[in-house]
Amino acid sequence: MESVSATNPSPGDALTPRTRERLAGAGAIAAGASWFAWALINSTTRGALESSPPGSAAAHVALALTLGWTLLLIPAVIYTHFALRPTSPGTLPIFTAAGVISPVLWALGAGVGFVPHLEVGYNALAAVWLLGTGAILCSRRRGLGILALVVGAFTALDAVFGLFEPMPFALYLLAAPKLPLAAVWSATLGVALVRRRL
């Protein structure tokens, strides 16, 4: 039996390839919005999402938003792969695999609690996806590609810092733009997919 790709659904499938692409884009936009919601709630409640005891309402909200900003990005990672595949190098599957595994590990970490080595792993994998995909995107959508490269550089820096913990807090500030920029990147990628501009 012939396999069915993400861009060629089986006969009778209710979702067309274009609809799936839009849903993937909407998921990426929702992922970015989830991080901004987390940041807004956490700042207005003076860090309640970070310091909430297990099982509390705040802890459930924090987990839901963290799962949102990680797992909702995965369909967009996959659709970006299909959009770039015709003109991309053979390393694209490696970048895509890194882009899928990274949010899964991050979500796992959110569920089990802070695990330093796990954090280094998902940051490193995210950097591989962002830097690799960003380099490919630069020839098609220069602005989007540059944004991915910038986010990838901050993410790689964060992964390196994680290898050498504990470190002075001032050094960690160098990687501070990573999360807000990553949220902007997710939303921007989502808009590109919704508008079919990859």
C-alpha atoms as a PDB file:
ATOM      1  CA  MET A   1       0.000   0.000   0.000  1.00  0.00           C
ATOM      2  CA  GLU A   2       1.251   3.451  -0.915  1.00  0.00           C
ATOM      3  CA  SER A   3       1.976   5.761   2.014  1.00  0.00           C
ATOM      4  CA  VAL A   4       0.071   9.003   2.329  1.00  0.00           C
ATOM      5  CA  SER A   5       2.082  12.162   2.990  1.00  0.00           C
ATOM      6  CA  ALA A   6       1.005  15.194   4.955  1.00  0.00           C
ATOM      7  CA  THR A   7       0.398  17.049   1.707  1.00  0.00           C
ATOM      8  CA  ASN A   8      -1.538  14.240  -0.023  1.00  0.00           C
ATOM      9  CA  PRO A   9      -4.417  13.020   2.140  1.00  0.00           C
ATOM     10  CA  SER A  10      -6.283   9.828   1.351  1.00  0.00           C
ATOM     11  CA  PRO A  11      -9.474   9.944  -0.736  1.00  0.00           C
ATOM     12  CA  GLY A  12     -12.440  11.045   1.330  1.00  0.00           C
ATOM     13  CA  ASP A  13     -10.283  12.859   3.875  1.00  0.00           C
ATOM     14  CA  ALA A  14     -12.319  15.784   5.205  1.00  0.00           C
ATOM     15  CA  LEU A  15      -9.254  18.002   5.586  1.00  0.00           C
ATOM     16  CA  THR A  16      -7.589  19.279   2.431  1.00  0.00           C
ATOM     17  CA  PRO A  17      -3.823  19.879   2.391  1.00  0.00           C
ATOM     18  CA  ARG A  18      -4.479  23.640   2.491  1.00  0.00           C
ATOM     19  CA  THR A  19      -6.775  23.286   5.503  1.00  0.00           C
ATOM     20  CA  ARG A  20      -4.137  21.233   7.324  1.00  0.00           C
ATOM     21  CA  GLU A  21      -1.524  23.835   6.532  1.00  0.00           C
ATOM     22  CA  ARG A  22      -3.745  26.584   7.929  1.00  0.00           C
ATOM     23  CA  LEU A  23      -4.405  24.544  11.065  1.00  0.00           C
ATOM     24  CA  ALA A  24      -0.656  24.034  11.499  1.00  0.00           C
ATOM     25  CA  GLY A  25      -0.165  27.773  11.137  1.00  0.00           C
ATOM     26  CA  ALA A  26      -2.934  28.494  13.621  1.00  0.00           C
ATOM     27  CA  GLY A  27      -1.270  26.084  16.050  1.00  0.00           C
ATOM     28  CA  ALA A  28       2.026  27.961  15.764  1.00  0.00           C
ATOM     29  CA  ILE A  29       0.264  31.279  16.372  1.00  0.00           C
ATOM     30  CA  ALA A  30      -1.437  29.755  19.417  1.00  0.00           C
ATOM     31  CA  ALA A  31       1.947  28.466  20.620  1.00  0.00           C
ATOM     32  CA  GLY A  32       3.406  31.962  20.537  1.00  0.00           C
ATOM     33  CA  ALA A  33       0.296  33.379  22.212  1.00  0.00           C
ATOM     34  CA  SER A  34       0.579  30.733  24.960  1.00  0.00           C
ATOM     35  CA  TRP A  35       4.028  31.963  25.925  1.00  0.00           C
ATOM     36  CA  PHE A  36       2.932  35.599  25.977  1.00  0.00           C
ATOM     37  CA  ALA A  37      -0.092  34.609  28.100  1.00  0.00           C
ATOM     38  CA  TRP A  38       2.220  32.769  30.502  1.00  0.00           C
ATOM     39  CA  ALA A  39       4.551  35.771  30.734  1.00  0.00           C
ATOM     40  CA  LEU A  40       1.664  38.201  31.265  1.00  0.00           C
ATOM     41  CA  ILE A  41      -0.032  36.088  33.942  1.00  0.00           C
ATOM     42  CA  ASN A  42       3.255  35.351  35.687  1.00  0.00           C
ATOM     43  CA  SER A  43       4.256  39.009  35.789  1.00  0.00           C
ATOM     44  CA  THR A  44       0.871  40.288  36.975  1.00  0.00           C
ATOM     45  CA  THR A  45       0.710  37.638  39.716  1.00  0.00           C
ATOM     46  CA  ARG A  46       4.295  38.301  40.865  1.00  0.00           C
ATOM     47  CA  GLY A  47       5.670  34.969  39.722  1.00  0.00           C
ATOM     48  CA  ALA A  48       2.737  32.766  40.776  1.00  0.00           C
ATOM     49  CA  LEU A  49       3.150  30.451  37.777  1.00  0.00           C
ATOM     50  CA  GLU A  50       6.812  29.834  38.583  1.00  0.00           C
ATOM     51  CA  SER A  51       6.403  29.312  42.315  1.00  0.00           C
ATOM     52  CA  SER A  52       3.007  27.615  42.536  1.00  0.00           C
ATOM     53  CA  PRO A  53       2.824  24.398  44.569  1.00  0.00           C
ATOM     54  CA  PRO A  54       2.111  21.147  42.681  1.00  0.00           C
ATOM     55  CA  GLY A  55      -1.577  20.481  42.195  1.00  0.00           C
ATOM     56  CA  SER A  56      -2.630  24.116  42.606  1.00  0.00           C
ATOM     57  CA  ALA A  57      -4.740  25.950  40.036  1.00  0.00           C
ATOM     58  CA  ALA A  58      -1.747  28.113  39.115  1.00  0.00           C
ATOM     59  CA  ALA A  59       0.378  25.008  38.548  1.00  0.00           C
ATOM     60  CA  HIS A  60      -2.279  23.580  36.206  1.00  0.00           C
ATOM     61  CA  VAL A  61      -2.439  26.862  34.276  1.00  0.00           C
ATOM     62  CA  ALA A  62       1.360  26.985  34.016  1.00  0.00           C
ATOM     63  CA  LEU A  63       1.505  23.410  32.731  1.00  0.00           C
ATOM     64  CA  ALA A  64      -1.299  23.968  30.205  1.00  0.00           C
ATOM     65  CA  LEU A  65       0.363  27.089  28.793  1.00  0.00           C
ATOM     66  CA  THR A  66       3.777  25.404  28.668  1.00  0.00           C
ATOM     67  CA  LEU A  67       2.333  22.429  26.807  1.00  0.00           C
ATOM     68  CA  GLY A  68       0.610  24.903  24.502  1.00  0.00           C
ATOM     69  CA  TRP A  69       3.737  26.815  23.551  1.00  0.00           C
ATOM     70  CA  THR A  70       5.662  23.600  22.934  1.00  0.00           C
ATOM     71  CA  LEU A  71       3.377  20.929  21.463  1.00  0.00           C
ATOM     72  CA  LEU A  72       1.220  23.274  19.349  1.00  0.00           C
ATOM     73  CA  LEU A  73       4.325  24.170  17.336  1.00  0.00           C
ATOM     74  CA  ILE A  74       4.969  20.608  16.111  1.00  0.00           C
ATOM     75  CA  PRO A  75       2.508  20.625  13.154  1.00  0.00           C
ATOM     76  CA  ALA A  76       4.119  23.845  11.887  1.00  0.00           C
ATOM     77  CA  VAL A  77       7.564  22.246  12.108  1.00  0.00           C
ATOM     78  CA  ILE A  78       6.305  19.376   9.951  1.00  0.00           C
ATOM     79  CA  TYR A  79       4.598  21.624   7.407  1.00  0.00           C
ATOM     80  CA  THR A  80       7.675  23.821   7.180  1.00  0.00           C
ATOM     81  CA  HIS A  81       9.575  20.656   6.267  1.00  0.00           C
ATOM     82  CA  PHE A  82       7.179  19.869   3.413  1.00  0.00           C
ATOM     83  CA  ALA A  83       7.222  23.470   2.166  1.00  0.00           C
ATOM     84  CA  LEU A  84      11.028  23.593   2.060  1.00  0.00           C
ATOM     85  CA  ARG A  85      11.721  20.017   0.950  1.00  0.00           C
ATOM     86  CA  PRO A  86      11.718  20.511  -2.875  1.00  0.00           C
ATOM     87  CA  THR A  87      14.641  22.977  -2.797  1.00  0.00           C
ATOM     88  CA  SER A  88      16.416  21.982   0.416  1.00  0.00           C
ATOM     89  CA  PRO A  89      19.596  20.007   1.127  1.00  0.00           C
ATOM     90  CA  GLY A  90      19.548  16.450   2.414  1.00  0.00           C
ATOM     91  CA  THR A  91      20.096  17.700   5.951  1.00  0.00           C
ATOM     92  CA  LEU A  92      16.530  19.076   6.189  1.00  0.00           C
ATOM     93  CA  PRO A  93      15.147  15.838   7.747  1.00  0.00           C
ATOM     94  CA  ILE A  94      17.744  16.147  10.515  1.00  0.00           C
ATOM     95  CA  PHE A  95      16.678  19.728  11.225  1.00  0.00           C
ATOM     96  CA  THR A  96      13.003  18.729  11.205  1.00  0.00           C
ATOM     97  CA  ALA A  97      13.577  15.765  13.524  1.00  0.00           C
ATOM     98  CA  ALA A  98      15.357  18.097  15.948  1.00  0.00           C
ATOM     99  CA  GLY A  99      12.453  20.541  15.686  1.00  0.00           C
ATOM    100  CA  VAL A 100       9.925  17.832  16.580  1.00  0.00           C
ATOM    101  CA  ILE A 101      11.904  16.170  19.382  1.00  0.00           C
ATOM    102  CA  SER A 102      12.790  19.468  21.102  1.00  0.00           C
ATOM    103  CA  PRO A 103       9.237  20.556  22.064  1.00  0.00           C
ATOM    104  CA  VAL A 104       8.395  16.984  23.092  1.00  0.00           C
ATOM    105  CA  LEU A 105      11.337  17.005  25.517  1.00  0.00           C
ATOM    106  CA  TRP A 106      10.381  20.474  26.759  1.00  0.00           C
ATOM    107  CA  ALA A 107       6.808  19.307  27.381  1.00  0.00           C
ATOM    108  CA  LEU A 108       8.170  16.246  29.182  1.00  0.00           C
ATOM    109  CA  GLY A 109      10.319  18.480  31.340  1.00  0.00           C
ATOM    110  CA  ALA A 110       7.306  20.635  32.172  1.00  0.00           C
ATOM    111  CA  GLY A 111       5.436  17.545  33.282  1.00  0.00           C
ATOM    112  CA  VAL A 112       8.138  16.023  35.483  1.00  0.00           C
ATOM    113  CA  GLY A 113       9.738  19.226  36.746  1.00  0.00           C
ATOM    114  CA  PHE A 114      13.031  20.997  36.113  1.00  0.00           C
ATOM    115  CA  VAL A 115      15.688  18.597  34.771  1.00  0.00           C
ATOM    116  CA  PRO A 116      18.957  20.446  33.917  1.00  0.00           C
ATOM    117  CA  HIS A 117      20.302  17.955  31.370  1.00  0.00           C
ATOM    118  CA  LEU A 118      16.909  17.703  29.681  1.00  0.00           C
ATOM    119  CA  GLU A 119      16.841  21.491  29.329  1.00  0.00           C
ATOM    120  CA  VAL A 120      20.249  21.452  27.653  1.00  0.00           C
ATOM    121  CA  GLY A 121      18.992  18.749  25.298  1.00  0.00           C
ATOM    122  CA  TYR A 122      15.840  20.482  24.126  1.00  0.00           C
ATOM    123  CA  ASN A 123      17.616  23.820  23.791  1.00  0.00           C
ATOM    124  CA  ALA A 124      20.369  22.228  21.699  1.00  0.00           C
ATOM    125  CA  LEU A 125      17.833  20.460  19.461  1.00  0.00           C
ATOM    126  CA  ALA A 126      15.795  23.637  19.067  1.00  0.00           C
ATOM    127  CA  ALA A 127      18.971  25.489  18.049  1.00  0.00           C
ATOM    128  CA  VAL A 128      19.701  22.833  15.401  1.00  0.00           C
ATOM    129  CA  TRP A 129      16.216  23.247  13.946  1.00  0.00           C
ATOM    130  CA  LEU A 130      16.199  27.049  14.054  1.00  0.00           C
ATOM    131  CA  LEU A 131      19.691  27.544  12.652  1.00  0.00           C
ATOM    132  CA  GLY A 132      19.325  24.865   9.980  1.00  0.00           C
ATOM    133  CA  THR A 133      15.837  25.872   8.878  1.00  0.00           C
ATOM    134  CA  GLY A 134      16.681  29.553   9.141  1.00  0.00           C
ATOM    135  CA  ALA A 135      19.634  29.151   6.779  1.00  0.00           C
ATOM    136  CA  ILE A 136      17.363  27.450   4.232  1.00  0.00           C
ATOM    137  CA  LEU A 137      14.605  30.037   4.653  1.00  0.00           C
ATOM    138  CA  CYS A 138      16.982  32.923   3.959  1.00  0.00           C
ATOM    139  CA  SER A 139      16.926  32.134   0.240  1.00  0.00           C
ATOM    140  CA  ARG A 140      13.087  32.121   0.148  1.00  0.00           C
ATOM    141  CA  ARG A 141      11.852  34.412   2.937  1.00  0.00           C
ATOM    142  CA  ARG A 142      14.861  36.426   4.048  1.00  0.00           C
ATOM    143  CA  GLY A 143      13.199  38.187   6.987  1.00  0.00           C
ATOM    144  CA  LEU A 144      11.742  34.968   8.372  1.00  0.00           C
ATOM    145  CA  GLY A 145      15.051  33.190   7.882  1.00  0.00           C
ATOM    146  CA  ILE A 146      17.029  35.893   9.687  1.00  0.00           C
ATOM    147  CA  LEU A 147      14.554  35.829  12.583  1.00  0.00           C
ATOM    148  CA  ALA A 148      15.013  32.055  12.873  1.00  0.00           C
ATOM    149  CA  LEU A 149      18.803  32.469  12.859  1.00  0.00           C
ATOM    150  CA  VAL A 150      18.677  35.111  15.592  1.00  0.00           C
ATOM    151  CA  VAL A 151      16.396  32.979  17.786  1.00  0.00           C
ATOM    152  CA  GLY A 152      18.579  29.954  17.052  1.00  0.00           C
ATOM    153  CA  ALA A 153      21.712  31.821  18.150  1.00  0.00           C
ATOM    154  CA  PHE A 154      20.145  32.822  21.495  1.00  0.00           C
ATOM    155  CA  THR A 155      18.854  29.269  21.960  1.00  0.00           C
ATOM    156  CA  ALA A 156      22.295  27.789  21.284  1.00  0.00           C
ATOM    157  CA  LEU A 157      23.776  30.248  23.779  1.00  0.00           C
ATOM    158  CA  ASP A 158      21.233  29.151  26.376  1.00  0.00           C
ATOM    159  CA  ALA A 159      22.148  25.499  25.762  1.00  0.00           C
ATOM    160  CA  VAL A 160      25.848  26.255  26.226  1.00  0.00           C
ATOM    161  CA  PHE A 161      25.153  28.142  29.460  1.00  0.00           C
ATOM    162  CA  GLY A 162      23.200  25.140  30.717  1.00  0.00           C
ATOM    163  CA  LEU A 163      26.301  22.969  30.357  1.00  0.00           C
ATOM    164  CA  PHE A 164      28.267  25.155  32.747  1.00  0.00           C
ATOM    165  CA  GLU A 165      25.787  25.744  35.558  1.00  0.00           C
ATOM    166  CA  PRO A 166      25.963  27.370  37.996  1.00  0.00           C
ATOM    167  CA  MET A 167      26.972  30.606  36.311  1.00  0.00           C
ATOM    168  CA  PRO A 168      26.721  34.282  37.264  1.00  0.00           C
ATOM    169  CA  PHE A 169      23.191  35.584  36.737  1.00  0.00           C
ATOM    170  CA  ALA A 170      24.536  38.437  34.597  1.00  0.00           C
ATOM    171  CA  LEU A 171      25.701  35.918  31.991  1.00  0.00           C
ATOM    172  CA  TYR A 172      22.254  34.345  31.802  1.00  0.00           C
ATOM    173  CA  LEU A 173      20.858  37.737  30.867  1.00  0.00           C
ATOM    174  CA  LEU A 174      22.699  37.394  27.543  1.00  0.00           C
ATOM    175  CA  ALA A 175      20.279  34.608  26.590  1.00  0.00           C
ATOM    176  CA  ALA A 176      17.212  36.347  28.081  1.00  0.00           C
ATOM    177  CA  PRO A 177      15.755  37.392  24.686  1.00  0.00           C
ATOM    178  CA  LYS A 178      15.399  33.742  23.680  1.00  0.00           C
ATOM    179  CA  LEU A 179      11.879  33.072  24.966  1.00  0.00           C
ATOM    180  CA  PRO A 180      10.105  36.244  23.780  1.00  0.00           C
ATOM    181  CA  LEU A 181      11.868  36.031  20.418  1.00  0.00           C
ATOM    182  CA  ALA A 182      10.950  32.345  20.127  1.00  0.00           C
ATOM    183  CA  ALA A 183       7.297  33.244  20.770  1.00  0.00           C
ATOM    184  CA  VAL A 184       7.463  35.932  18.070  1.00  0.00           C
ATOM    185  CA  TRP A 185       9.097  33.409  15.720  1.00  0.00           C
ATOM    186  CA  SER A 186       6.349  30.839  16.360  1.00  0.00           C
ATOM    187  CA  ALA A 187       3.604  33.360  15.646  1.00  0.00           C
ATOM    188  CA  THR A 188       5.385  34.716  12.567  1.00  0.00           C
ATOM    189  CA  LEU A 189       5.904  31.220  11.171  1.00  0.00           C
ATOM    190  CA  GLY A 190       2.239  30.505  11.831  1.00  0.00           C
ATOM    191  CA  VAL A 191       1.138  33.586   9.903  1.00  0.00           C
ATOM    192  CA  ALA A 192       3.403  32.561   7.004  1.00  0.00           C
ATOM    193  CA  LEU A 193       1.768  29.115   6.898  1.00  0.00           C
ATOM    194  CA  VAL A 194      -1.768  30.518   7.146  1.00  0.00           C
ATOM    195  CA  ARG A 195      -1.036  32.954   4.328  1.00  0.00           C
ATOM    196  CA  ARG A 196       0.974  30.338   2.380  1.00  0.00           C
ATOM    197  CA  ARG A 197       4.092  32.478   2.201  1.00  0.00           C
ATOM    198  CA  LEU A 198       6.883  30.018   2.875  1.00  0.00           C
END
